[in-house]
């Protein structure tokens, strides 16, 4: 299973990390529509996590893996009957969040366990 290589404190929850990401987006003066898009993408991810786990608010960033993303994609197809183009649109928002975490040195890259 692929995991993100952690190089900084990995006790940050996904929610805390996403709040930092949105704060950074506002500092960079990104469009409010872009921020809304990122929030919608993240909301799909949290809906998936809530459907699979008892306490998704406590999931830390070290939990992120290719397997989680693959299961998220399957969940979008199964629960929302989304097509690949729509799924890729949702994933672009999540990818921006992950790139921010890489930029902030919370993890380096995907790697094989």
PDB file of N, CA and C in Angstrom:
ATOM      1  N   UNK A   1       0.847  -1.172   0.000  1.00  0.00           N
ATOM      2  CA  UNK A   1       0.000   0.000   0.000  1.00  0.00           C
ATOM      3  C   UNK A   1       0.892   1.234   0.000  1.00  0.00           C
ATOM      4  N   UNK A   2       0.533   2.214  -0.795  1.00  0.00           N
ATOM      5  CA  UNK A   2       1.302   3.452  -0.854  1.00  0.00           C
ATOM      6  C   UNK A   2       0.854   4.394   0.263  1.00  0.00           C
ATOM      7  N   UNK A   3       1.809   5.044   0.855  1.00  0.00           N
ATOM      8  CA  UNK A   3       1.531   6.037   1.889  1.00  0.00           C
ATOM      9  C   UNK A   3       2.332   7.287   1.574  1.00  0.00           C
ATOM     10  N   UNK A   4       1.891   8.372   2.159  1.00  0.00           N
ATOM     11  CA  UNK A   4       2.632   9.613   2.016  1.00  0.00           C
ATOM     12  C   UNK A   4       3.763   9.606   3.031  1.00  0.00           C
ATOM     13  N   UNK A   5       4.955   9.931   2.603  1.00  0.00           N
ATOM     14  CA  UNK A   5       6.114   9.945   3.487  1.00  0.00           C
ATOM     15  C   UNK A   5       6.046  11.193   4.371  1.00  0.00           C
ATOM     16  N   UNK A   6       5.918  10.978   5.666  1.00  0.00           N
ATOM     17  CA  UNK A   6       5.792  12.069   6.621  1.00  0.00           C
ATOM     18  C   UNK A   6       7.179  12.603   6.968  1.00  0.00           C
ATOM     19  N   UNK A   7       7.341  13.928   6.902  1.00  0.00           N
ATOM     20  CA  UNK A   7       8.629  14.515   7.265  1.00  0.00           C
ATOM     21  C   UNK A   7       8.468  15.634   8.284  1.00  0.00           C
ATOM     22  N   UNK A   8       7.267  15.842   8.770  1.00  0.00           N
ATOM     23  CA  UNK A   8       6.972  16.841   9.782  1.00  0.00           C
ATOM     24  C   UNK A   8       5.983  16.215  10.753  1.00  0.00           C
ATOM     25  N   UNK A   9       5.594  16.907  11.797  1.00  0.00           N
ATOM     26  CA  UNK A   9       4.638  16.389  12.766  1.00  0.00           C
ATOM     27  C   UNK A   9       3.406  15.852  12.045  1.00  0.00           C
ATOM     28  N   UNK A  10       3.117  14.571  12.253  1.00  0.00           N
ATOM     29  CA  UNK A  10       1.996  13.955  11.556  1.00  0.00           C
ATOM     30  C   UNK A  10       0.760  13.805  12.427  1.00  0.00           C
ATOM     31  N   UNK A  11       0.700  14.495  13.547  1.00  0.00           N
ATOM     32  CA  UNK A  11      -0.463  14.402  14.423  1.00  0.00           C
ATOM     33  C   UNK A  11      -1.577  15.363  14.010  1.00  0.00           C
ATOM     34  N   UNK A  12      -1.346  16.141  12.986  1.00  0.00           N
ATOM     35  CA  UNK A  12      -2.339  17.082  12.483  1.00  0.00           C
ATOM     36  C   UNK A  12      -3.515  16.300  11.893  1.00  0.00           C
ATOM     37  N   UNK A  13      -4.729  16.646  12.315  1.00  0.00           N
ATOM     38  CA  UNK A  13      -5.892  15.971  11.742  1.00  0.00           C
ATOM     39  C   UNK A  13      -6.159  16.517  10.341  1.00  0.00           C
ATOM     40  N   UNK A  14      -6.914  15.769   9.559  1.00  0.00           N
ATOM     41  CA  UNK A  14      -7.280  16.240   8.221  1.00  0.00           C
ATOM     42  C   UNK A  14      -8.017  17.564   8.309  1.00  0.00           C
ATOM     43  N   UNK A  15      -8.891  17.683   9.290  1.00  0.00           N
ATOM     44  CA  UNK A  15      -9.657  18.926   9.451  1.00  0.00           C
ATOM     45  C   UNK A  15      -8.734  20.103   9.754  1.00  0.00           C
ATOM     46  N   UNK A  16      -7.801  19.912  10.680  1.00  0.00           N
ATOM     47  CA  UNK A  16      -6.853  20.977  11.005  1.00  0.00           C
ATOM     48  C   UNK A  16      -5.997  21.340   9.798  1.00  0.00           C
ATOM     49  N   UNK A  17      -5.551  20.320   9.083  1.00  0.00           N
ATOM     50  CA  UNK A  17      -4.722  20.556   7.892  1.00  0.00           C
ATOM     51  C   UNK A  17      -5.514  21.309   6.834  1.00  0.00           C
ATOM     52  N   UNK A  18      -6.782  20.942   6.652  1.00  0.00           N
ATOM     53  CA  UNK A  18      -7.592  21.618   5.645  1.00  0.00           C
ATOM     54  C   UNK A  18      -7.856  23.073   6.039  1.00  0.00           C
ATOM     55  N   UNK A  19      -8.053  23.317   7.319  1.00  0.00           N
ATOM     56  CA  UNK A  19      -8.226  24.698   7.785  1.00  0.00           C
ATOM     57  C   UNK A  19      -6.978  25.529   7.492  1.00  0.00           C
ATOM     58  N   UNK A  20      -5.810  24.945   7.686  1.00  0.00           N
ATOM     59  CA  UNK A  20      -4.557  25.647   7.354  1.00  0.00           C
ATOM     60  C   UNK A  20      -4.477  25.903   5.852  1.00  0.00           C
ATOM     61  N   UNK A  21      -4.887  24.929   5.061  1.00  0.00           N
ATOM     62  CA  UNK A  21      -4.889  25.066   3.600  1.00  0.00           C
ATOM     63  C   UNK A  21      -5.804  26.216   3.168  1.00  0.00           C
ATOM     64  N   UNK A  22      -7.003  26.272   3.702  1.00  0.00           N
ATOM     65  CA  UNK A  22      -7.946  27.333   3.336  1.00  0.00           C
ATOM     66  C   UNK A  22      -7.410  28.691   3.787  1.00  0.00           C
ATOM     67  N   UNK A  23      -6.822  28.741   4.958  1.00  0.00           N
ATOM     68  CA  UNK A  23      -6.215  29.997   5.428  1.00  0.00           C
ATOM     69  C   UNK A  23      -5.131  30.454   4.453  1.00  0.00           C
ATOM     70  N   UNK A  24      -4.312  29.513   4.001  1.00  0.00           N
ATOM     71  CA  UNK A  24      -3.264  29.824   3.036  1.00  0.00           C
ATOM     72  C   UNK A  24      -3.859  30.309   1.717  1.00  0.00           C
ATOM     73  N   UNK A  25      -4.955  29.717   1.288  1.00  0.00           N
ATOM     74  CA  UNK A  25      -5.632  30.155   0.054  1.00  0.00           C
ATOM     75  C   UNK A  25      -6.087  31.603   0.179  1.00  0.00           C
ATOM     76  N   UNK A  26      -6.592  31.968   1.358  1.00  0.00           N
ATOM     77  CA  UNK A  26      -7.048  33.345   1.585  1.00  0.00           C
ATOM     78  C   UNK A  26      -5.861  34.306   1.630  1.00  0.00           C
ATOM     79  N   UNK A  27      -4.769  33.865   2.227  1.00  0.00           N
ATOM     80  CA  UNK A  27      -3.557  34.695   2.268  1.00  0.00           C
ATOM     81  C   UNK A  27      -3.058  34.951   0.851  1.00  0.00           C
ATOM     82  N   UNK A  28      -3.139  33.930  -0.003  1.00  0.00           N
ATOM     83  CA  UNK A  28      -2.707  34.060  -1.395  1.00  0.00           C
ATOM     84  C   UNK A  28      -3.730  34.812  -2.245  1.00  0.00           C
ATOM     85  N   UNK A  29      -4.830  35.199  -1.604  1.00  0.00           N
ATOM     86  CA  UNK A  29      -5.892  35.968  -2.262  1.00  0.00           C
ATOM     87  C   UNK A  29      -6.516  35.211  -3.435  1.00  0.00           C
ATOM     88  N   UNK A  30      -6.730  33.909  -3.242  1.00  0.00           N
ATOM     89  CA  UNK A  30      -7.411  33.130  -4.267  1.00  0.00           C
ATOM     90  C   UNK A  30      -8.878  33.535  -4.324  1.00  0.00           C
ATOM     91  N   UNK A  31      -9.477  33.342  -5.459  1.00  0.00           N
ATOM     92  CA  UNK A  31     -10.886  33.663  -5.665  1.00  0.00           C
ATOM     93  C   UNK A  31     -11.754  32.909  -4.659  1.00  0.00           C
ATOM     94  N   UNK A  32     -12.812  33.553  -4.214  1.00  0.00           N
ATOM     95  CA  UNK A  32     -13.753  32.900  -3.304  1.00  0.00           C
ATOM     96  C   UNK A  32     -14.355  31.657  -3.969  1.00  0.00           C
ATOM     97  N   UNK A  33     -14.543  31.707  -5.286  1.00  0.00           N
ATOM     98  CA  UNK A  33     -15.072  30.552  -6.014  1.00  0.00           C
ATOM     99  C   UNK A  33     -14.099  29.378  -5.986  1.00  0.00           C
ATOM    100  N   UNK A  34     -12.815  29.660  -6.045  1.00  0.00           N
ATOM    101  CA  UNK A  34     -11.805  28.607  -5.954  1.00  0.00           C
ATOM    102  C   UNK A  34     -11.841  27.975  -4.571  1.00  0.00           C
ATOM    103  N   UNK A  35     -11.961  28.799  -3.551  1.00  0.00           N
ATOM    104  CA  UNK A  35     -12.021  28.299  -2.178  1.00  0.00           C
ATOM    105  C   UNK A  35     -13.276  27.455  -1.976  1.00  0.00           C
ATOM    106  N   UNK A  36     -14.388  27.887  -2.522  1.00  0.00           N
ATOM    107  CA  UNK A  36     -15.628  27.105  -2.444  1.00  0.00           C
ATOM    108  C   UNK A  36     -15.449  25.757  -3.134  1.00  0.00           C
ATOM    109  N   UNK A  37     -14.793  25.769  -4.287  1.00  0.00           N
ATOM    110  CA  UNK A  37     -14.509  24.531  -5.019  1.00  0.00           C
ATOM    111  C   UNK A  37     -13.670  23.584  -4.166  1.00  0.00           C
ATOM    112  N   UNK A  38     -12.626  24.101  -3.521  1.00  0.00           N
ATOM    113  CA  UNK A  38     -11.793  23.268  -2.656  1.00  0.00           C
ATOM    114  C   UNK A  38     -12.610  22.703  -1.499  1.00  0.00           C
ATOM    115  N   UNK A  39     -13.473  23.521  -0.918  1.00  0.00           N
ATOM    116  CA  UNK A  39     -14.303  23.059   0.200  1.00  0.00           C
ATOM    117  C   UNK A  39     -15.272  21.964  -0.245  1.00  0.00           C
ATOM    118  N   UNK A  40     -15.861  22.113  -1.420  1.00  0.00           N
ATOM    119  CA  UNK A  40     -16.773  21.081  -1.933  1.00  0.00           C
ATOM    120  C   UNK A  40     -16.035  19.773  -2.162  1.00  0.00           C
ATOM    121  N   UNK A  41     -14.845  19.863  -2.728  1.00  0.00           N
ATOM    122  CA  UNK A  41     -14.042  18.652  -2.954  1.00  0.00           C
ATOM    123  C   UNK A  41     -13.714  17.975  -1.630  1.00  0.00           C
ATOM    124  N   UNK A  42     -13.310  18.759  -0.656  1.00  0.00           N
ATOM    125  CA  UNK A  42     -12.988  18.226   0.670  1.00  0.00           C
ATOM    126  C   UNK A  42     -14.222  17.619   1.331  1.00  0.00           C
ATOM    127  N   UNK A  43     -15.381  18.252   1.143  1.00  0.00           N
ATOM    128  CA  UNK A  43     -16.617  17.732   1.738  1.00  0.00           C
ATOM    129  C   UNK A  43     -16.951  16.338   1.211  1.00  0.00           C
ATOM    130  N   UNK A  44     -16.693  16.093  -0.065  1.00  0.00           N
ATOM    131  CA  UNK A  44     -16.900  14.741  -0.592  1.00  0.00           C
ATOM    132  C   UNK A  44     -15.982  13.752   0.114  1.00  0.00           C
ATOM    133  N   UNK A  45     -14.738  14.148   0.333  1.00  0.00           N
ATOM    134  CA  UNK A  45     -13.802  13.268   1.029  1.00  0.00           C
ATOM    135  C   UNK A  45     -14.275  12.991   2.450  1.00  0.00           C
ATOM    136  N   UNK A  46     -14.736  14.011   3.147  1.00  0.00           N
ATOM    137  CA  UNK A  46     -15.198  13.790   4.528  1.00  0.00           C
ATOM    138  C   UNK A  46     -16.471  12.950   4.566  1.00  0.00           C
ATOM    139  N   UNK A  47     -17.341  13.094   3.577  1.00  0.00           N
ATOM    140  CA  UNK A  47     -18.535  12.231   3.513  1.00  0.00           C
ATOM    141  C   UNK A  47     -18.118  10.776   3.350  1.00  0.00           C
ATOM    142  N   UNK A  48     -17.129  10.558   2.495  1.00  0.00           N
ATOM    143  CA  UNK A  48     -16.620   9.191   2.327  1.00  0.00           C
ATOM    144  C   UNK A  48     -16.057   8.670   3.651  1.00  0.00           C
ATOM    145  N   UNK A  49     -15.226   9.457   4.302  1.00  0.00           N
ATOM    146  CA  UNK A  49     -14.612   9.013   5.557  1.00  0.00           C
ATOM    147  C   UNK A  49     -15.667   8.738   6.622  1.00  0.00           C
ATOM    148  N   UNK A  50     -16.717   9.563   6.678  1.00  0.00           N
ATOM    149  CA  UNK A  50     -17.797   9.345   7.650  1.00  0.00           C
ATOM    150  C   UNK A  50     -18.546   8.052   7.361  1.00  0.00           C
ATOM    151  N   UNK A  51     -18.635   7.679   6.093  1.00  0.00           N
ATOM    152  CA  UNK A  51     -19.333   6.442   5.739  1.00  0.00           C
ATOM    153  C   UNK A  51     -18.507   5.203   6.078  1.00  0.00           C
ATOM    154  N   UNK A  52     -17.208   5.372   6.200  1.00  0.00           N
ATOM    155  CA  UNK A  52     -16.317   4.236   6.417  1.00  0.00           C
ATOM    156  C   UNK A  52     -15.773   4.122   7.834  1.00  0.00           C
ATOM    157  N   UNK A  53     -15.695   5.221   8.560  1.00  0.00           N
ATOM    158  CA  UNK A  53     -15.018   5.230   9.856  1.00  0.00           C
ATOM    159  C   UNK A  53     -15.866   5.902  10.916  1.00  0.00           C
ATOM    160  N   UNK A  54     -15.717   5.430  12.146  1.00  0.00           N
ATOM    161  CA  UNK A  54     -16.522   5.938  13.253  1.00  0.00           C
ATOM    162  C   UNK A  54     -16.221   7.387  13.593  1.00  0.00           C
ATOM    163  N   UNK A  55     -14.971   7.772  13.597  1.00  0.00           N
ATOM    164  CA  UNK A  55     -14.572   9.098  14.047  1.00  0.00           C
ATOM    165  C   UNK A  55     -13.667   9.772  13.023  1.00  0.00           C
ATOM    166  N   UNK A  56     -14.184  10.135  11.867  1.00  0.00           N
ATOM    167  CA  UNK A  56     -13.312  10.674  10.812  1.00  0.00           C
ATOM    168  C   UNK A  56     -12.660  12.007  11.161  1.00  0.00           C
ATOM    169  N   UNK A  57     -13.235  12.735  12.128  1.00  0.00           N
ATOM    170  CA  UNK A  57     -12.654  14.020  12.516  1.00  0.00           C
ATOM    171  C   UNK A  57     -11.282  13.847  13.152  1.00  0.00           C
ATOM    172  N   UNK A  58     -11.025  12.653  13.678  1.00  0.00           N
ATOM    173  CA  UNK A  58      -9.753  12.395  14.366  1.00  0.00           C
ATOM    174  C   UNK A  58      -8.704  11.760  13.463  1.00  0.00           C
ATOM    175  N   UNK A  59      -9.020  11.549  12.204  1.00  0.00           N
ATOM    176  CA  UNK A  59      -8.061  10.948  11.283  1.00  0.00           C
ATOM    177  C   UNK A  59      -6.939  11.950  11.012  1.00  0.00           C
ATOM    178  N   UNK A  60      -5.724  11.486  11.155  1.00  0.00           N
ATOM    179  CA  UNK A  60      -4.578  12.359  10.931  1.00  0.00           C
ATOM    180  C   UNK A  60      -4.102  12.252   9.491  1.00  0.00           C
ATOM    181  N   UNK A  61      -3.266  13.195   9.096  1.00  0.00           N
ATOM    182  CA  UNK A  61      -2.793  13.224   7.715  1.00  0.00           C
ATOM    183  C   UNK A  61      -1.955  12.005   7.363  1.00  0.00           C
ATOM    184  N   UNK A  62      -1.358  11.351   8.357  1.00  0.00           N
ATOM    185  CA  UNK A  62      -0.563  10.162   8.070  1.00  0.00           C
ATOM    186  C   UNK A  62      -1.428   9.024   7.528  1.00  0.00           C
ATOM    187  N   UNK A  63      -2.736   9.143   7.685  1.00  0.00           N
ATOM    188  CA  UNK A  63      -3.670   8.128   7.215  1.00  0.00           C
ATOM    189  C   UNK A  63      -3.810   8.121   5.690  1.00  0.00           C
ATOM    190  N   UNK A  64      -3.515   9.233   5.051  1.00  0.00           N
ATOM    191  CA  UNK A  64      -3.711   9.353   3.608  1.00  0.00           C
ATOM    192  C   UNK A  64      -2.813   8.379   2.850  1.00  0.00           C
ATOM    193  N   UNK A  65      -3.420   7.690   1.904  1.00  0.00           N
ATOM    194  CA  UNK A  65      -2.672   6.734   1.084  1.00  0.00           C
ATOM    195  C   UNK A  65      -3.358   6.578  -0.265  1.00  0.00           C
ATOM    196  N   UNK A  66      -2.677   5.936  -1.171  1.00  0.00           N
ATOM    197  CA  UNK A  66      -3.265   5.656  -2.479  1.00  0.00           C
ATOM    198  C   UNK A  66      -4.492   4.773  -2.314  1.00  0.00           C
ATOM    199  N   UNK A  67      -4.428   3.853  -1.385  1.00  0.00           N
ATOM    200  CA  UNK A  67      -5.569   2.970  -1.125  1.00  0.00           C
ATOM    201  C   UNK A  67      -6.803   3.779  -0.704  1.00  0.00           C
ATOM    202  N   UNK A  68      -6.622   4.765   0.155  1.00  0.00           N
ATOM    203  CA  UNK A  68      -7.732   5.608   0.583  1.00  0.00           C
ATOM    204  C   UNK A  68      -8.305   6.362  -0.613  1.00  0.00           C
ATOM    205  N   UNK A  69      -7.444   6.899  -1.460  1.00  0.00           N
ATOM    206  CA  UNK A  69      -7.895   7.628  -2.649  1.00  0.00           C
ATOM    207  C   UNK A  69      -8.638   6.685  -3.595  1.00  0.00           C
ATOM    208  N   UNK A  70      -8.114   5.490  -3.793  1.00  0.00           N
ATOM    209  CA  UNK A  70      -8.783   4.519  -4.659  1.00  0.00           C
ATOM    210  C   UNK A  70     -10.163   4.146  -4.126  1.00  0.00           C
ATOM    211  N   UNK A  71     -10.252   3.928  -2.819  1.00  0.00           N
ATOM    212  CA  UNK A  71     -11.544   3.608  -2.208  1.00  0.00           C
ATOM    213  C   UNK A  71     -12.503   4.795  -2.303  1.00  0.00           C
ATOM    214  N   UNK A  72     -11.977   6.001  -2.177  1.00  0.00           N
ATOM    215  CA  UNK A  72     -12.774   7.224  -2.328  1.00  0.00           C
ATOM    216  C   UNK A  72     -13.353   7.303  -3.746  1.00  0.00           C
ATOM    217  N   UNK A  73     -12.527   7.005  -4.742  1.00  0.00           N
ATOM    218  CA  UNK A  73     -12.988   7.016  -6.139  1.00  0.00           C
ATOM    219  C   UNK A  73     -14.102   5.991  -6.333  1.00  0.00           C
ATOM    220  N   UNK A  74     -13.890   4.801  -5.818  1.00  0.00           N
ATOM    221  CA  UNK A  74     -14.909   3.758  -5.935  1.00  0.00           C
ATOM    222  C   UNK A  74     -16.205   4.203  -5.257  1.00  0.00           C
ATOM    223  N   UNK A  75     -16.089   4.813  -4.088  1.00  0.00           N
ATOM    224  CA  UNK A  75     -17.250   5.300  -3.344  1.00  0.00           C
ATOM    225  C   UNK A  75     -18.007   6.359  -4.143  1.00  0.00           C
ATOM    226  N   UNK A  76     -17.286   7.278  -4.790  1.00  0.00           N
ATOM    227  CA  UNK A  76     -17.940   8.295  -5.615  1.00  0.00           C
ATOM    228  C   UNK A  76     -18.714   7.647  -6.761  1.00  0.00           C
ATOM    229  N   UNK A  77     -18.114   6.655  -7.392  1.00  0.00           N
ATOM    230  CA  UNK A  77     -18.789   5.958  -8.493  1.00  0.00           C
ATOM    231  C   UNK A  77     -20.013   5.213  -7.989  1.00  0.00           C
ATOM    232  N   UNK A  78     -19.862   4.532  -6.877  1.00  0.00           N
ATOM    233  CA  UNK A  78     -20.920   3.680  -6.342  1.00  0.00           C
ATOM    234  C   UNK A  78     -22.074   4.478  -5.729  1.00  0.00           C
ATOM    235  N   UNK A  79     -21.766   5.527  -4.975  1.00  0.00           N
ATOM    236  CA  UNK A  79     -22.801   6.273  -4.254  1.00  0.00           C
ATOM    237  C   UNK A  79     -23.387   7.445  -5.025  1.00  0.00           C
ATOM    238  N   UNK A  80     -22.609   8.015  -5.923  1.00  0.00           N
ATOM    239  CA  UNK A  80     -23.072   9.189  -6.669  1.00  0.00           C
ATOM    240  C   UNK A  80     -23.177   8.920  -8.163  1.00  0.00           C
ATOM    241  N   UNK A  81     -22.806   7.700  -8.564  1.00  0.00           N
ATOM    242  CA  UNK A  81     -22.828   7.327  -9.980  1.00  0.00           C
ATOM    243  C   UNK A  81     -22.073   8.353 -10.837  1.00  0.00           C
ATOM    244  N   UNK A  82     -20.967   8.842 -10.304  1.00  0.00           N
ATOM    245  CA  UNK A  82     -20.174   9.856 -11.008  1.00  0.00           C
ATOM    246  C   UNK A  82     -19.381   9.229 -12.134  1.00  0.00           C
ATOM    247  N   UNK A  83     -19.229   9.979 -13.180  1.00  0.00           N
ATOM    248  CA  UNK A  83     -18.395   9.589 -14.307  1.00  0.00           C
ATOM    249  C   UNK A  83     -16.956   9.997 -14.009  1.00  0.00           C
ATOM    250  N   UNK A  84     -16.022   9.462 -14.777  1.00  0.00           N
ATOM    251  CA  UNK A  84     -14.601   9.725 -14.551  1.00  0.00           C
ATOM    252  C   UNK A  84     -14.254  11.213 -14.628  1.00  0.00           C
ATOM    253  N   UNK A  85     -14.872  11.940 -15.540  1.00  0.00           N
ATOM    254  CA  UNK A  85     -14.569  13.377 -15.675  1.00  0.00           C
ATOM    255  C   UNK A  85     -14.957  14.122 -14.400  1.00  0.00           C
ATOM    256  N   UNK A  86     -16.114  13.799 -13.847  1.00  0.00           N
ATOM    257  CA  UNK A  86     -16.569  14.445 -12.610  1.00  0.00           C
ATOM    258  C   UNK A  86     -15.680  14.055 -11.438  1.00  0.00           C
ATOM    259  N   UNK A  87     -15.324  12.794 -11.377  1.00  0.00           N
ATOM    260  CA  UNK A  87     -14.439  12.321 -10.303  1.00  0.00           C
ATOM    261  C   UNK A  87     -13.096  13.035 -10.382  1.00  0.00           C
ATOM    262  N   UNK A  88     -12.558  13.164 -11.571  1.00  0.00           N
ATOM    263  CA  UNK A  88     -11.278  13.854 -11.726  1.00  0.00           C
ATOM    264  C   UNK A  88     -11.373  15.313 -11.312  1.00  0.00           C
ATOM    265  N   UNK A  89     -12.519  15.926 -11.529  1.00  0.00           N
ATOM    266  CA  UNK A  89     -12.731  17.300 -11.077  1.00  0.00           C
ATOM    267  C   UNK A  89     -12.674  17.362  -9.555  1.00  0.00           C
ATOM    268  N   UNK A  90     -13.322  16.407  -8.885  1.00  0.00           N
ATOM    269  CA  UNK A  90     -13.281  16.364  -7.411  1.00  0.00           C
ATOM    270  C   UNK A  90     -11.848  16.118  -6.921  1.00  0.00           C
ATOM    271  N   UNK A  91     -11.147  15.235  -7.615  1.00  0.00           N
ATOM    272  CA  UNK A  91      -9.780  14.903  -7.204  1.00  0.00           C
ATOM    273  C   UNK A  91      -8.815  16.075  -7.380  1.00  0.00           C
ATOM    274  N   UNK A  92      -9.064  16.945  -8.338  1.00  0.00           N
ATOM    275  CA  UNK A  92      -8.189  18.117  -8.519  1.00  0.00           C
ATOM    276  C   UNK A  92      -8.206  19.002  -7.271  1.00  0.00           C
ATOM    277  N   UNK A  93      -9.369  19.149  -6.662  1.00  0.00           N
ATOM    278  CA  UNK A  93      -9.457  19.925  -5.426  1.00  0.00           C
ATOM    279  C   UNK A  93      -8.702  19.267  -4.290  1.00  0.00           C
ATOM    280  N   UNK A  94      -8.821  17.952  -4.178  1.00  0.00           N
ATOM    281  CA  UNK A  94      -8.093  17.203  -3.151  1.00  0.00           C
ATOM    282  C   UNK A  94      -6.592  17.266  -3.424  1.00  0.00           C
ATOM    283  N   UNK A  95      -6.221  17.168  -4.686  1.00  0.00           N
ATOM    284  CA  UNK A  95      -4.802  17.218  -5.066  1.00  0.00           C
ATOM    285  C   UNK A  95      -4.179  18.555  -4.664  1.00  0.00           C
ATOM    286  N   UNK A  96      -4.907  19.660  -4.849  1.00  0.00           N
ATOM    287  CA  UNK A  96      -4.382  20.973  -4.437  1.00  0.00           C
ATOM    288  C   UNK A  96      -4.096  20.980  -2.936  1.00  0.00           C
ATOM    289  N   UNK A  97      -4.989  20.381  -2.163  1.00  0.00           N
ATOM    290  CA  UNK A  97      -4.810  20.267  -0.719  1.00  0.00           C
ATOM    291  C   UNK A  97      -3.566  19.436  -0.397  1.00  0.00           C
ATOM    292  N   UNK A  98      -3.401  18.300  -1.078  1.00  0.00           N
ATOM    293  CA  UNK A  98      -2.237  17.441  -0.840  1.00  0.00           C
ATOM    294  C   UNK A  98      -0.934  18.129  -1.233  1.00  0.00           C
ATOM    295  N   UNK A  99      -0.960  18.863  -2.335  1.00  0.00           N
ATOM    296  CA  UNK A  99       0.239  19.610  -2.744  1.00  0.00           C
ATOM    297  C   UNK A  99       0.609  20.667  -1.701  1.00  0.00           C
ATOM    298  N   UNK A 100      -0.385  21.298  -1.123  1.00  0.00           N
ATOM    299  CA  UNK A 100      -0.114  22.267  -0.059  1.00  0.00           C
ATOM    300  C   UNK A 100       0.587  21.563   1.103  1.00  0.00           C
ATOM    301  N   UNK A 101       0.094  20.384   1.489  1.00  0.00           N
ATOM    302  CA  UNK A 101       0.713  19.652   2.594  1.00  0.00           C
ATOM    303  C   UNK A 101       2.157  19.257   2.262  1.00  0.00           C
ATOM    304  N   UNK A 102       2.402  18.905   1.008  1.00  0.00           N
ATOM    305  CA  UNK A 102       3.774  18.595   0.589  1.00  0.00           C
ATOM    306  C   UNK A 102       4.650  19.841   0.655  1.00  0.00           C
ATOM    307  N   UNK A 103       4.099  20.954   0.189  1.00  0.00           N
ATOM    308  CA  UNK A 103       4.836  22.224   0.210  1.00  0.00           C
ATOM    309  C   UNK A 103       5.200  22.623   1.635  1.00  0.00           C
ATOM    310  N   UNK A 104       4.313  22.312   2.571  1.00  0.00           N
ATOM    311  CA  UNK A 104       4.543  22.644   3.976  1.00  0.00           C
ATOM    312  C   UNK A 104       5.340  21.572   4.719  1.00  0.00           C
ATOM    313  N   UNK A 105       5.806  20.575   3.976  1.00  0.00           N
ATOM    314  CA  UNK A 105       6.674  19.513   4.504  1.00  0.00           C
ATOM    315  C   UNK A 105       5.979  18.575   5.488  1.00  0.00           C
ATOM    316  N   UNK A 106       4.653  18.423   5.364  1.00  0.00           N
ATOM    317  CA  UNK A 106       3.963  17.432   6.181  1.00  0.00           C
ATOM    318  C   UNK A 106       4.189  16.033   5.646  1.00  0.00           C
ATOM    319  N   UNK A 107       4.417  15.925   4.366  1.00  0.00           N
ATOM    320  CA  UNK A 107       4.885  14.684   3.763  1.00  0.00           C
ATOM    321  C   UNK A 107       5.573  15.020   2.454  1.00  0.00           C
ATOM    322  N   UNK A 108       6.375  14.076   2.003  1.00  0.00           N
ATOM    323  CA  UNK A 108       7.225  14.325   0.853  1.00  0.00           C
ATOM    324  C   UNK A 108       6.568  13.905  -0.453  1.00  0.00           C
ATOM    325  N   UNK A 109       6.125  12.663  -0.514  1.00  0.00           N
ATOM    326  CA  UNK A 109       5.533  12.131  -1.737  1.00  0.00           C
ATOM    327  C   UNK A 109       4.897  10.798  -1.434  1.00  0.00           C
ATOM    328  N   UNK A 110       4.178  10.269  -2.393  1.00  0.00           N
ATOM    329  CA  UNK A 110       3.667   8.905  -2.255  1.00  0.00           C
ATOM    330  C   UNK A 110       4.828   7.930  -2.395  1.00  0.00           C
ATOM    331  N   UNK A 111       4.829   6.901  -1.588  1.00  0.00           N
ATOM    332  CA  UNK A 111       5.856   5.870  -1.717  1.00  0.00           C
ATOM    333  C   UNK A 111       5.266   4.516  -1.369  1.00  0.00           C
ATOM    334  N   UNK A 112       5.940   3.471  -1.727  1.00  0.00           N
ATOM    335  CA  UNK A 112       5.507   2.110  -1.435  1.00  0.00           C
ATOM    336  C   UNK A 112       5.916   1.734  -0.017  1.00  0.00           C
ATOM    337  N   UNK A 113       4.992   1.096   0.697  1.00  0.00           N
ATOM    338  CA  UNK A 113       5.347   0.558   2.023  1.00  0.00           C
ATOM    339  C   UNK A 113       6.072  -0.755   1.876  1.00  0.00           C
TER     340      UNK A 113
END
